[in-house]
Amino acid sequence: MEEPEPAGAAPPPGLRSLLPPREFLCSRKGQLLLAESVLSFIIFICYIASLAASFMMAPLLEFLLALFLFFAYASKLNEKFKGLYWPLADFLRCVTAAIIYFAISIAAVSKYSDGASKAAGVSRRELSTSVFGFIATIVFAIDFYITFNDLVAFLKQGSSDSPEGRKSEGSKSTDSMKTQIPTRTEEPNTNQARREDDQALSSAECTAN
């Protein structure tokens, strides 16, 4: 007879590969990406249920991008595909998302808060959608501020590892060696001059005698 599986059994390997690791979920980047995904999905649902359905494409795209980067960082695709500029793409995504959410939140409040909307009883939904939009703006602003520091460190590392940086370092070393060579060759020249002076003095004394 087969023994029953314990209650706290680990999930199968196929399902475990889809789950993000606990270290990434506890990290600051993982929490920000998870918050961005949840907020974008909530704003998308709110826009579908309101009169401002024309703005639903922006939160849908931001939700898909945040979800893609969440699983990309969780599965460490940024370490496997180092040819892509992950910090730069993440920084541009956060900047554009913060600007878009701020703009559509203001547009939703100003466009759908008139008397007709209030009479129809839909102004509360637009107001709640705008509140979530402003919260998402703050979250994306925090994310692009943190990502900017990572981007600066990434660009500094790339410039130091580039062939041009290595060539500049090599040219500096050759220039330093060239400046050191004349100092070494000056010593024999000074010794030779002293010997010539001594010979001139000795010849002068001989002629005087």
N, C-alpha and C. Protein backbone atom coordinates (compact mmCIF):
# COMPACT_ATOMS: atom_id res chain seq x y z
N MET A 1 0.83 -1.20 0.00
CA MET A 1 0.00 0.00 0.00
C MET A 1 0.87 1.25 0.00
N GLU A 2 0.40 2.26 -0.73
CA GLU A 2 1.16 3.51 -0.80
C GLU A 2 0.91 4.33 0.44
N GLU A 3 1.98 4.91 0.94
CA GLU A 3 1.85 5.74 2.13
C GLU A 3 1.27 7.09 1.76
N PRO A 4 0.38 7.63 2.59
CA PRO A 4 -0.19 8.95 2.28
C PRO A 4 0.86 10.04 2.39
N GLU A 5 0.75 11.03 1.52
CA GLU A 5 1.70 12.13 1.55
C GLU A 5 1.45 13.02 2.77
N PRO A 6 2.49 13.53 3.38
CA PRO A 6 2.30 14.42 4.54
C PRO A 6 1.61 15.71 4.13
N ALA A 7 1.04 16.36 5.13
CA ALA A 7 0.27 17.58 4.86
C ALA A 7 1.16 18.70 4.36
N GLY A 8 2.36 18.80 4.89
CA GLY A 8 3.28 19.87 4.51
C GLY A 8 4.24 19.47 3.42
N ALA A 9 3.80 18.64 2.49
CA ALA A 9 4.68 18.17 1.42
C ALA A 9 5.01 19.30 0.47
N ALA A 10 6.22 19.26 -0.08
CA ALA A 10 6.66 20.30 -1.01
C ALA A 10 5.95 20.14 -2.34
N PRO A 11 5.73 21.24 -3.06
CA PRO A 11 5.07 21.14 -4.36
C PRO A 11 5.94 20.42 -5.36
N PRO A 12 5.34 19.86 -6.41
CA PRO A 12 6.14 19.15 -7.42
C PRO A 12 7.13 20.08 -8.09
N PRO A 13 8.16 19.52 -8.72
CA PRO A 13 9.20 20.37 -9.34
C PRO A 13 8.66 21.30 -10.42
N GLY A 14 7.67 20.84 -11.21
CA GLY A 14 7.13 21.70 -12.25
C GLY A 14 6.46 22.93 -11.70
N LEU A 15 5.68 22.76 -10.61
CA LEU A 15 5.02 23.90 -9.99
C LEU A 15 6.00 24.77 -9.22
N ARG A 16 7.02 24.15 -8.65
CA ARG A 16 8.01 24.91 -7.89
C ARG A 16 8.80 25.86 -8.77
N SER A 17 9.02 25.48 -10.03
CA SER A 17 9.76 26.36 -10.94
C SER A 17 8.99 27.62 -11.29
N LEU A 18 7.64 27.56 -11.19
CA LEU A 18 6.83 28.73 -11.48
C LEU A 18 6.73 29.69 -10.31
N LEU A 19 6.97 29.19 -9.11
CA LEU A 19 6.88 30.04 -7.93
C LEU A 19 8.16 30.84 -7.74
N PRO A 20 8.06 32.13 -7.43
CA PRO A 20 9.29 32.92 -7.19
C PRO A 20 9.93 32.52 -5.87
N PRO A 21 11.23 32.62 -5.76
CA PRO A 21 11.89 32.27 -4.50
C PRO A 21 11.53 33.24 -3.39
N ARG A 22 11.63 32.74 -2.17
CA ARG A 22 11.26 33.56 -1.01
C ARG A 22 12.22 34.72 -0.82
N GLU A 23 13.50 34.55 -1.18
CA GLU A 23 14.46 35.64 -1.03
C GLU A 23 14.09 36.83 -1.90
N PHE A 24 13.60 36.54 -3.13
CA PHE A 24 13.22 37.63 -4.02
C PHE A 24 11.94 38.31 -3.54
N LEU A 25 11.00 37.54 -3.00
CA LEU A 25 9.78 38.14 -2.49
C LEU A 25 10.04 39.04 -1.28
N CYS A 26 11.04 38.70 -0.50
CA CYS A 26 11.38 39.51 0.68
C CYS A 26 12.28 40.69 0.33
N SER A 27 12.81 40.73 -0.88
CA SER A 27 13.69 41.83 -1.28
C SER A 27 12.88 43.06 -1.62
N ARG A 28 13.55 44.20 -1.67
CA ARG A 28 12.87 45.46 -1.96
C ARG A 28 12.37 45.51 -3.39
N LYS A 29 13.17 45.00 -4.34
CA LYS A 29 12.75 45.00 -5.73
C LYS A 29 11.57 44.08 -5.96
N GLY A 30 11.56 42.93 -5.32
CA GLY A 30 10.45 42.01 -5.48
C GLY A 30 9.15 42.58 -4.93
N GLN A 31 9.22 43.24 -3.79
CA GLN A 31 8.01 43.84 -3.21
C GLN A 31 7.50 44.99 -4.07
N LEU A 32 8.41 45.78 -4.64
CA LEU A 32 7.97 46.88 -5.51
C LEU A 32 7.31 46.36 -6.78
N LEU A 33 7.91 45.35 -7.41
CA LEU A 33 7.31 44.79 -8.62
C LEU A 33 5.97 44.12 -8.33
N LEU A 34 5.87 43.46 -7.19
CA LEU A 34 4.59 42.85 -6.83
C LEU A 34 3.52 43.91 -6.57
N ALA A 35 3.90 44.99 -5.89
CA ALA A 35 2.94 46.08 -5.65
C ALA A 35 2.53 46.75 -6.96
N GLU A 36 3.47 46.92 -7.87
CA GLU A 36 3.14 47.52 -9.18
C GLU A 36 2.19 46.64 -9.97
N SER A 37 2.41 45.33 -9.93
CA SER A 37 1.53 44.41 -10.65
C SER A 37 0.11 44.44 -10.08
N VAL A 38 0.01 44.40 -8.75
CA VAL A 38 -1.31 44.38 -8.11
C VAL A 38 -2.05 45.70 -8.35
N LEU A 39 -1.35 46.82 -8.18
CA LEU A 39 -1.99 48.11 -8.40
C LEU A 39 -2.42 48.30 -9.86
N SER A 40 -1.59 47.89 -10.79
CA SER A 40 -1.94 48.03 -12.21
C SER A 40 -3.16 47.16 -12.55
N PHE A 41 -3.23 45.97 -11.97
CA PHE A 41 -4.39 45.11 -12.24
C PHE A 41 -5.67 45.70 -11.63
N ILE A 42 -5.56 46.25 -10.42
CA ILE A 42 -6.73 46.87 -9.79
C ILE A 42 -7.21 48.08 -10.59
N ILE A 43 -6.26 48.90 -11.04
CA ILE A 43 -6.63 50.08 -11.84
C ILE A 43 -7.25 49.66 -13.16
N PHE A 44 -6.74 48.59 -13.75
CA PHE A 44 -7.33 48.08 -15.00
C PHE A 44 -8.77 47.65 -14.79
N ILE A 45 -9.04 46.94 -13.71
CA ILE A 45 -10.41 46.51 -13.42
C ILE A 45 -11.31 47.71 -13.14
N CYS A 46 -10.77 48.70 -12.41
CA CYS A 46 -11.57 49.89 -12.11
C CYS A 46 -11.92 50.67 -13.36
N TYR A 47 -11.00 50.77 -14.29
CA TYR A 47 -11.28 51.50 -15.53
C TYR A 47 -12.30 50.76 -16.39
N ILE A 48 -12.28 49.42 -16.37
CA ILE A 48 -13.27 48.67 -17.13
C ILE A 48 -14.68 48.90 -16.57
N ALA A 49 -14.79 48.97 -15.23
CA ALA A 49 -16.09 49.13 -14.60
C ALA A 49 -16.58 50.57 -14.58
N SER A 50 -15.77 51.52 -15.02
CA SER A 50 -16.16 52.93 -14.97
C SER A 50 -16.37 53.46 -16.39
N LEU A 51 -16.72 54.73 -16.46
CA LEU A 51 -16.91 55.37 -17.76
C LEU A 51 -15.59 55.71 -18.44
N ALA A 52 -14.50 55.69 -17.68
CA ALA A 52 -13.20 56.03 -18.24
C ALA A 52 -12.51 54.79 -18.81
N ALA A 53 -13.26 53.99 -19.58
CA ALA A 53 -12.70 52.76 -20.14
C ALA A 53 -11.66 53.02 -21.21
N SER A 54 -11.60 54.25 -21.71
CA SER A 54 -10.61 54.57 -22.75
C SER A 54 -9.19 54.57 -22.21
N PHE A 55 -9.04 54.61 -20.87
CA PHE A 55 -7.71 54.62 -20.26
C PHE A 55 -7.24 53.24 -19.83
N MET A 56 -7.98 52.19 -20.19
CA MET A 56 -7.67 50.87 -19.62
C MET A 56 -6.43 50.25 -20.25
N MET A 57 -6.00 50.70 -21.44
CA MET A 57 -4.85 50.08 -22.08
C MET A 57 -3.55 50.38 -21.34
N ALA A 58 -3.46 51.58 -20.74
CA ALA A 58 -2.22 51.95 -20.03
C ALA A 58 -1.98 51.05 -18.82
N PRO A 59 -2.96 50.86 -17.92
CA PRO A 59 -2.70 49.94 -16.79
C PRO A 59 -2.53 48.49 -17.22
N LEU A 60 -3.16 48.09 -18.33
CA LEU A 60 -2.98 46.71 -18.80
C LEU A 60 -1.54 46.48 -19.26
N LEU A 61 -0.97 47.42 -20.01
CA LEU A 61 0.41 47.29 -20.45
C LEU A 61 1.39 47.33 -19.28
N GLU A 62 1.12 48.22 -18.32
CA GLU A 62 2.01 48.30 -17.15
C GLU A 62 1.92 47.04 -16.30
N PHE A 63 0.73 46.46 -16.24
CA PHE A 63 0.58 45.19 -15.50
C PHE A 63 1.37 44.08 -16.15
N LEU A 64 1.30 43.98 -17.48
CA LEU A 64 2.04 42.92 -18.18
C LEU A 64 3.55 43.12 -18.08
N LEU A 65 4.00 44.37 -18.19
CA LEU A 65 5.44 44.64 -18.08
C LEU A 65 5.96 44.36 -16.67
N ALA A 66 5.20 44.79 -15.66
CA ALA A 66 5.62 44.54 -14.27
C ALA A 66 5.61 43.05 -13.97
N LEU A 67 4.62 42.33 -14.49
CA LEU A 67 4.57 40.89 -14.25
C LEU A 67 5.72 40.18 -14.96
N PHE A 68 6.06 40.62 -16.17
CA PHE A 68 7.18 40.01 -16.89
C PHE A 68 8.50 40.24 -16.15
N LEU A 69 8.74 41.47 -15.70
CA LEU A 69 9.98 41.75 -14.98
C LEU A 69 10.02 41.05 -13.63
N PHE A 70 8.86 40.86 -13.02
CA PHE A 70 8.81 40.15 -11.74
C PHE A 70 9.31 38.72 -11.91
N PHE A 71 8.81 38.01 -12.91
CA PHE A 71 9.26 36.64 -13.13
C PHE A 71 10.66 36.60 -13.76
N ALA A 72 11.03 37.64 -14.50
CA ALA A 72 12.38 37.67 -15.08
C ALA A 72 13.44 37.82 -13.99
N TYR A 73 13.21 38.73 -13.05
CA TYR A 73 14.15 38.87 -11.94
C TYR A 73 14.09 37.69 -10.98
N ALA A 74 12.89 37.10 -10.82
CA ALA A 74 12.77 35.96 -9.91
C ALA A 74 13.50 34.74 -10.46
N SER A 75 13.43 34.53 -11.78
CA SER A 75 14.14 33.41 -12.40
C SER A 75 15.56 33.76 -12.83
N LYS A 76 16.01 34.99 -12.51
CA LYS A 76 17.38 35.46 -12.78
C LYS A 76 17.71 35.44 -14.28
N LEU A 77 16.74 35.86 -15.08
CA LEU A 77 17.01 35.99 -16.51
C LEU A 77 17.98 37.13 -16.81
N ASN A 78 18.03 38.13 -15.91
CA ASN A 78 18.96 39.24 -16.13
C ASN A 78 20.42 38.80 -16.01
N GLU A 79 20.67 37.71 -15.27
CA GLU A 79 22.03 37.19 -15.18
C GLU A 79 22.36 36.26 -16.35
N LYS A 80 21.34 35.66 -16.95
CA LYS A 80 21.58 34.76 -18.09
C LYS A 80 21.74 35.55 -19.39
N PHE A 81 20.94 36.59 -19.56
CA PHE A 81 21.00 37.42 -20.76
C PHE A 81 21.59 38.78 -20.40
N LYS A 82 22.90 38.82 -20.29
CA LYS A 82 23.58 40.04 -19.88
C LYS A 82 23.74 41.04 -21.03
N GLY A 83 23.41 40.63 -22.24
CA GLY A 83 23.50 41.57 -23.36
C GLY A 83 22.43 42.64 -23.32
N LEU A 84 21.33 42.38 -22.63
CA LEU A 84 20.26 43.36 -22.50
C LEU A 84 20.56 44.31 -21.35
N TYR A 85 20.22 45.58 -21.54
CA TYR A 85 20.42 46.58 -20.49
C TYR A 85 19.19 46.58 -19.58
N TRP A 86 19.16 45.63 -18.64
CA TRP A 86 18.00 45.47 -17.77
C TRP A 86 17.76 46.69 -16.89
N PRO A 87 18.77 47.26 -16.23
CA PRO A 87 18.49 48.45 -15.41
C PRO A 87 17.96 49.63 -16.21
N LEU A 88 18.48 49.82 -17.44
CA LEU A 88 18.01 50.92 -18.26
C LEU A 88 16.56 50.71 -18.69
N ALA A 89 16.21 49.48 -19.10
CA ALA A 89 14.83 49.19 -19.49
C ALA A 89 13.88 49.33 -18.31
N ASP A 90 14.31 48.88 -17.14
CA ASP A 90 13.47 49.01 -15.94
C ASP A 90 13.30 50.47 -15.55
N PHE A 91 14.36 51.26 -15.69
CA PHE A 91 14.28 52.69 -15.35
C PHE A 91 13.31 53.41 -16.28
N LEU A 92 13.40 53.16 -17.58
CA LEU A 92 12.49 53.80 -18.53
C LEU A 92 11.05 53.37 -18.29
N ARG A 93 10.84 52.10 -17.93
CA ARG A 93 9.49 51.62 -17.64
C ARG A 93 8.89 52.34 -16.44
N CYS A 94 9.69 52.50 -15.39
CA CYS A 94 9.18 53.15 -14.18
C CYS A 94 8.89 54.63 -14.43
N VAL A 95 9.75 55.31 -15.18
CA VAL A 95 9.54 56.74 -15.45
C VAL A 95 8.27 56.95 -16.27
N THR A 96 8.12 56.17 -17.35
CA THR A 96 6.93 56.32 -18.19
C THR A 96 5.66 55.93 -17.45
N ALA A 97 5.73 54.91 -16.61
CA ALA A 97 4.55 54.48 -15.85
C ALA A 97 4.12 55.55 -14.85
N ALA A 98 5.08 56.16 -14.16
CA ALA A 98 4.74 57.21 -13.20
C ALA A 98 4.10 58.40 -13.90
N ILE A 99 4.64 58.79 -15.05
CA ILE A 99 4.07 59.93 -15.80
C ILE A 99 2.68 59.59 -16.33
N ILE A 100 2.51 58.38 -16.86
CA ILE A 100 1.22 58.00 -17.44
C ILE A 100 0.15 57.89 -16.37
N TYR A 101 0.47 57.27 -15.25
CA TYR A 101 -0.53 57.13 -14.18
C TYR A 101 -0.92 58.49 -13.60
N PHE A 102 0.04 59.37 -13.47
CA PHE A 102 -0.28 60.71 -12.96
C PHE A 102 -1.18 61.46 -13.94
N ALA A 103 -0.89 61.33 -15.24
CA ALA A 103 -1.67 62.05 -16.24
C ALA A 103 -3.09 61.51 -16.36
N ILE A 104 -3.25 60.18 -16.42
CA ILE A 104 -4.60 59.63 -16.59
C ILE A 104 -5.42 59.75 -15.32
N SER A 105 -4.78 59.81 -14.16
CA SER A 105 -5.54 60.00 -12.92
C SER A 105 -6.12 61.41 -12.87
N ILE A 106 -5.32 62.39 -13.25
CA ILE A 106 -5.83 63.77 -13.29
C ILE A 106 -6.91 63.90 -14.36
N ALA A 107 -6.69 63.26 -15.52
CA ALA A 107 -7.68 63.34 -16.60
C ALA A 107 -8.98 62.67 -16.20
N ALA A 108 -8.92 61.56 -15.49
CA ALA A 108 -10.14 60.87 -15.08
C ALA A 108 -10.92 61.69 -14.07
N VAL A 109 -10.22 62.35 -13.15
CA VAL A 109 -10.91 63.18 -12.14
C VAL A 109 -11.54 64.39 -12.79
N SER A 110 -10.81 65.07 -13.68
CA SER A 110 -11.33 66.30 -14.28
C SER A 110 -12.40 66.05 -15.33
N LYS A 111 -12.36 64.90 -16.00
CA LYS A 111 -13.30 64.64 -17.09
C LYS A 111 -14.60 64.02 -16.60
N TYR A 112 -14.51 63.16 -15.58
CA TYR A 112 -15.69 62.42 -15.17
C TYR A 112 -16.18 62.82 -13.78
N SER A 113 -15.87 64.04 -13.34
CA SER A 113 -16.38 64.51 -12.06
C SER A 113 -17.35 65.67 -12.24
N ASP A 114 -18.00 65.76 -13.42
CA ASP A 114 -18.95 66.83 -13.65
C ASP A 114 -20.31 66.46 -13.08
N GLY A 115 -21.31 67.32 -13.32
CA GLY A 115 -22.62 67.09 -12.74
C GLY A 115 -23.32 65.88 -13.30
N ALA A 116 -23.16 65.62 -14.58
CA ALA A 116 -23.81 64.46 -15.18
C ALA A 116 -23.27 63.16 -14.61
N SER A 117 -21.99 63.11 -14.38
CA SER A 117 -21.41 61.90 -13.81
C SER A 117 -21.86 61.69 -12.37
N LYS A 118 -21.95 62.78 -11.63
CA LYS A 118 -22.42 62.66 -10.25
C LYS A 118 -23.88 62.21 -10.22
N ALA A 119 -24.70 62.72 -11.15
CA ALA A 119 -26.10 62.30 -11.20
C ALA A 119 -26.22 60.83 -11.57
N ALA A 120 -25.32 60.34 -12.38
CA ALA A 120 -25.34 58.92 -12.75
C ALA A 120 -24.76 58.02 -11.67
N GLY A 121 -24.15 58.59 -10.66
CA GLY A 121 -23.60 57.81 -9.57
C GLY A 121 -22.30 57.12 -9.88
N VAL A 122 -21.52 57.64 -10.81
CA VAL A 122 -20.26 56.99 -11.21
C VAL A 122 -19.04 57.80 -10.78
N SER A 123 -19.25 58.93 -10.13
CA SER A 123 -18.09 59.74 -9.75
C SER A 123 -17.25 59.06 -8.69
N ARG A 124 -17.87 58.23 -7.85
CA ARG A 124 -17.09 57.53 -6.81
C ARG A 124 -16.14 56.52 -7.42
N ARG A 125 -16.56 55.86 -8.46
CA ARG A 125 -15.69 54.87 -9.09
C ARG A 125 -14.49 55.54 -9.75
N GLU A 126 -14.74 56.67 -10.41
CA GLU A 126 -13.63 57.40 -11.01
C GLU A 126 -12.69 57.95 -9.93
N LEU A 127 -13.28 58.36 -8.81
CA LEU A 127 -12.45 58.89 -7.73
C LEU A 127 -11.58 57.78 -7.12
N SER A 128 -12.17 56.60 -6.92
CA SER A 128 -11.37 55.49 -6.39
C SER A 128 -10.29 55.06 -7.38
N THR A 129 -10.62 55.09 -8.68
CA THR A 129 -9.61 54.75 -9.69
C THR A 129 -8.47 55.76 -9.67
N SER A 130 -8.79 57.04 -9.51
CA SER A 130 -7.75 58.07 -9.47
C SER A 130 -6.89 57.93 -8.22
N VAL A 131 -7.52 57.53 -7.11
CA VAL A 131 -6.74 57.33 -5.88
C VAL A 131 -5.73 56.21 -6.08
N PHE A 132 -6.17 55.10 -6.66
CA PHE A 132 -5.23 54.00 -6.95
C PHE A 132 -4.17 54.45 -7.96
N GLY A 133 -4.55 55.32 -8.89
CA GLY A 133 -3.58 55.82 -9.86
C GLY A 133 -2.50 56.67 -9.21
N PHE A 134 -2.90 57.51 -8.25
CA PHE A 134 -1.90 58.32 -7.55
C PHE A 134 -1.00 57.46 -6.67
N ILE A 135 -1.57 56.43 -6.06
CA ILE A 135 -0.74 55.50 -5.27
C ILE A 135 0.26 54.79 -6.17
N ALA A 136 -0.21 54.35 -7.35
CA ALA A 136 0.71 53.70 -8.30
C ALA A 136 1.78 54.67 -8.76
N THR A 137 1.45 55.95 -8.91
CA THR A 137 2.45 56.95 -9.30
C THR A 137 3.55 57.04 -8.25
N ILE A 138 3.18 57.04 -6.98
CA ILE A 138 4.17 57.11 -5.90
C ILE A 138 5.05 55.85 -5.89
N VAL A 139 4.42 54.68 -6.07
CA VAL A 139 5.19 53.42 -6.05
C VAL A 139 6.18 53.38 -7.21
N PHE A 140 5.74 53.78 -8.41
CA PHE A 140 6.64 53.78 -9.56
C PHE A 140 7.74 54.84 -9.41
N ALA A 141 7.42 55.97 -8.76
CA ALA A 141 8.44 56.99 -8.53
C ALA A 141 9.53 56.48 -7.58
N ILE A 142 9.12 55.76 -6.54
CA ILE A 142 10.11 55.16 -5.63
C ILE A 142 10.96 54.13 -6.37
N ASP A 143 10.31 53.37 -7.24
CA ASP A 143 11.04 52.33 -7.97
C ASP A 143 12.06 52.93 -8.93
N PHE A 144 11.68 54.00 -9.65
CA PHE A 144 12.67 54.55 -10.60
C PHE A 144 13.76 55.33 -9.89
N TYR A 145 13.51 55.82 -8.67
CA TYR A 145 14.60 56.43 -7.90
C TYR A 145 15.62 55.38 -7.47
N ILE A 146 15.13 54.22 -7.04
CA ILE A 146 16.04 53.14 -6.64
C ILE A 146 16.75 52.56 -7.85
N THR A 147 16.00 52.41 -8.96
CA THR A 147 16.59 51.86 -10.17
C THR A 147 17.63 52.79 -10.77
N PHE A 148 17.47 54.09 -10.56
CA PHE A 148 18.45 55.05 -11.08
C PHE A 148 19.81 54.83 -10.44
N ASN A 149 19.85 54.55 -9.15
CA ASN A 149 21.13 54.27 -8.49
C ASN A 149 21.76 52.99 -9.03
N ASP A 150 20.93 51.98 -9.27
CA ASP A 150 21.46 50.74 -9.87
C ASP A 150 21.94 50.98 -11.30
N LEU A 151 21.25 51.87 -12.01
CA LEU A 151 21.65 52.17 -13.38
C LEU A 151 23.00 52.88 -13.42
N VAL A 152 23.24 53.80 -12.50
CA VAL A 152 24.52 54.50 -12.45
C VAL A 152 25.66 53.53 -12.16
N ALA A 153 25.43 52.62 -11.20
CA ALA A 153 26.46 51.62 -10.90
C ALA A 153 26.69 50.68 -12.08
N PHE A 154 25.62 50.34 -12.80
CA PHE A 154 25.74 49.47 -13.98
C PHE A 154 26.53 50.14 -15.08
N LEU A 155 26.28 51.44 -15.32
CA LEU A 155 27.00 52.15 -16.37
C LEU A 155 28.46 52.35 -16.00
N LYS A 156 28.77 52.60 -14.73
CA LYS A 156 30.16 52.72 -14.31
C LYS A 156 30.91 51.41 -14.49
N GLN A 157 30.24 50.30 -14.16
CA GLN A 157 30.87 48.99 -14.33
C GLN A 157 31.10 48.68 -15.80
N GLY A 158 30.13 49.06 -16.64
CA GLY A 158 30.28 48.81 -18.07
C GLY A 158 31.38 49.64 -18.70
N SER A 159 31.56 50.89 -18.23
CA SER A 159 32.61 51.73 -18.79
C SER A 159 34.00 51.26 -18.38
N SER A 160 34.10 50.70 -17.17
CA SER A 160 35.41 50.20 -16.73
C SER A 160 35.78 48.90 -17.43
N ASP A 161 34.78 48.08 -17.80
CA ASP A 161 35.04 46.82 -18.48
C ASP A 161 35.11 46.93 -19.99
N SER A 162 34.82 48.09 -20.55
CA SER A 162 34.81 48.25 -22.01
C SER A 162 36.23 48.27 -22.56
N PRO A 163 36.43 47.93 -23.86
CA PRO A 163 37.78 47.96 -24.45
C PRO A 163 38.39 49.35 -24.47
N GLU A 164 37.55 50.39 -24.59
CA GLU A 164 38.09 51.75 -24.59
C GLU A 164 38.70 52.10 -23.25
N GLY A 165 38.02 51.63 -22.16
CA GLY A 165 38.59 51.88 -20.85
C GLY A 165 39.90 51.16 -20.65
N ARG A 166 39.99 49.93 -21.21
CA ARG A 166 41.25 49.21 -21.10
C ARG A 166 42.34 49.87 -21.92
N LYS A 167 41.99 50.40 -23.11
CA LYS A 167 42.98 51.10 -23.93
C LYS A 167 43.49 52.35 -23.25
N SER A 168 42.58 53.08 -22.58
CA SER A 168 43.01 54.29 -21.87
C SER A 168 43.94 53.95 -20.73
N GLU A 169 43.63 52.84 -20.03
CA GLU A 169 44.52 52.43 -18.94
C GLU A 169 45.88 52.02 -19.49
N GLY A 170 45.88 51.31 -20.66
CA GLY A 170 47.15 50.91 -21.25
C GLY A 170 47.96 52.09 -21.74
N SER A 171 47.29 53.11 -22.30
CA SER A 171 48.01 54.31 -22.76
C SER A 171 48.59 55.08 -21.58
N LYS A 172 47.85 55.09 -20.47
CA LYS A 172 48.38 55.76 -19.28
C LYS A 172 49.62 55.07 -18.76
N SER A 173 49.61 53.72 -18.78
CA SER A 173 50.79 52.99 -18.29
C SER A 173 51.99 53.21 -19.20
N THR A 174 51.76 53.24 -20.53
CA THR A 174 52.88 53.48 -21.45
C THR A 174 53.43 54.90 -21.32
N ASP A 175 52.54 55.87 -21.09
CA ASP A 175 53.00 57.24 -20.90
C ASP A 175 53.82 57.38 -19.64
N SER A 176 53.40 56.66 -18.59
CA SER A 176 54.17 56.73 -17.35
C SER A 176 55.54 56.10 -17.52
N MET A 177 55.64 55.02 -18.32
CA MET A 177 56.93 54.40 -18.56
C MET A 177 57.82 55.30 -19.41
N LYS A 178 57.20 56.01 -20.37
CA LYS A 178 57.98 56.92 -21.19
C LYS A 178 58.55 58.06 -20.37
N THR A 179 57.79 58.53 -19.41
CA THR A 179 58.29 59.62 -18.55
C THR A 179 59.38 59.14 -17.62
N GLN A 180 59.37 57.82 -17.31
CA GLN A 180 60.40 57.30 -16.42
C GLN A 180 61.70 57.03 -17.16
N ILE A 181 61.66 56.77 -18.47
CA ILE A 181 62.87 56.42 -19.22
C ILE A 181 63.88 57.56 -19.25
N PRO A 182 63.50 58.82 -19.52
CA PRO A 182 64.50 59.88 -19.53
C PRO A 182 65.17 60.09 -18.20
N THR A 183 64.46 59.87 -17.10
CA THR A 183 65.08 60.04 -15.79
C THR A 183 66.18 59.02 -15.58
N ARG A 184 66.00 57.83 -16.17
CA ARG A 184 67.04 56.82 -16.02
C ARG A 184 68.23 57.12 -16.93
N THR A 185 68.00 57.67 -18.11
CA THR A 185 69.10 57.94 -19.04
C THR A 185 69.84 59.22 -18.69
N GLU A 186 69.27 60.03 -17.83
CA GLU A 186 69.95 61.27 -17.45
C GLU A 186 71.15 61.02 -16.56
N GLU A 187 71.11 59.90 -15.80
CA GLU A 187 72.20 59.63 -14.87
C GLU A 187 73.52 59.38 -15.59
N PRO A 188 73.63 58.54 -16.63
CA PRO A 188 74.90 58.38 -17.34
C PRO A 188 75.40 59.66 -17.98
N ASN A 189 74.47 60.50 -18.46
CA ASN A 189 74.88 61.75 -19.09
C ASN A 189 75.55 62.68 -18.07
N THR A 190 75.00 62.74 -16.88
CA THR A 190 75.60 63.59 -15.83
C THR A 190 76.97 63.04 -15.42
N ASN A 191 77.11 61.72 -15.32
CA ASN A 191 78.41 61.13 -14.96
C ASN A 191 79.44 61.41 -16.05
N GLN A 192 79.06 61.33 -17.28
CA GLN A 192 79.99 61.61 -18.37
C GLN A 192 80.42 63.06 -18.37
N ALA A 193 79.49 63.95 -18.05
CA ALA A 193 79.85 65.37 -17.99
C ALA A 193 80.84 65.64 -16.87
N ARG A 194 80.64 64.96 -15.73
CA ARG A 194 81.58 65.14 -14.63
C ARG A 194 82.97 64.64 -15.00
N ARG A 195 83.03 63.52 -15.71
CA ARG A 195 84.34 62.99 -16.12
C ARG A 195 85.03 63.96 -17.08
N GLU A 196 84.27 64.53 -18.01
CA GLU A 196 84.88 65.49 -18.93
C GLU A 196 85.38 66.72 -18.18
N ASP A 197 84.62 67.16 -17.16
CA ASP A 197 85.09 68.31 -16.37
C ASP A 197 86.37 67.98 -15.62
N ASP A 198 86.44 66.75 -15.05
CA ASP A 198 87.64 66.35 -14.33
C ASP A 198 88.85 66.27 -15.26
N GLN A 199 88.62 65.73 -16.48
CA GLN A 199 89.73 65.66 -17.43
C GLN A 199 90.19 67.05 -17.84
N ALA A 200 89.25 67.99 -18.00
CA ALA A 200 89.62 69.35 -18.38
C ALA A 200 90.43 70.00 -17.27
N LEU A 201 90.03 69.79 -16.01
CA LEU A 201 90.76 70.37 -14.89
C LEU A 201 92.17 69.79 -14.79
N SER A 202 92.25 68.45 -14.97
CA SER A 202 93.57 67.82 -14.87
C SER A 202 94.51 68.29 -16.00
N SER A 203 93.94 68.47 -17.20
CA SER A 203 94.77 68.97 -18.31
C SER A 203 95.21 70.40 -18.07
N ALA A 204 94.34 71.20 -17.45
CA ALA A 204 94.68 72.57 -17.15
C ALA A 204 95.77 72.64 -16.11
N GLU A 205 95.75 71.77 -15.11
CA GLU A 205 96.81 71.76 -14.08
C GLU A 205 98.14 71.35 -14.70
N CYS A 206 98.11 70.36 -15.61
CA CYS A 206 99.35 69.91 -16.25
C CYS A 206 99.97 71.02 -17.06
N THR A 207 99.20 71.77 -17.80
CA THR A 207 99.72 72.87 -18.60
C THR A 207 100.27 73.97 -17.73
N ALA A 208 99.61 74.18 -16.55
CA ALA A 208 100.07 75.21 -15.63
C ALA A 208 101.42 74.84 -15.03
N ASN A 209 101.64 73.59 -14.73
CA ASN A 209 102.89 73.14 -14.15
C ASN A 209 104.01 73.20 -15.21
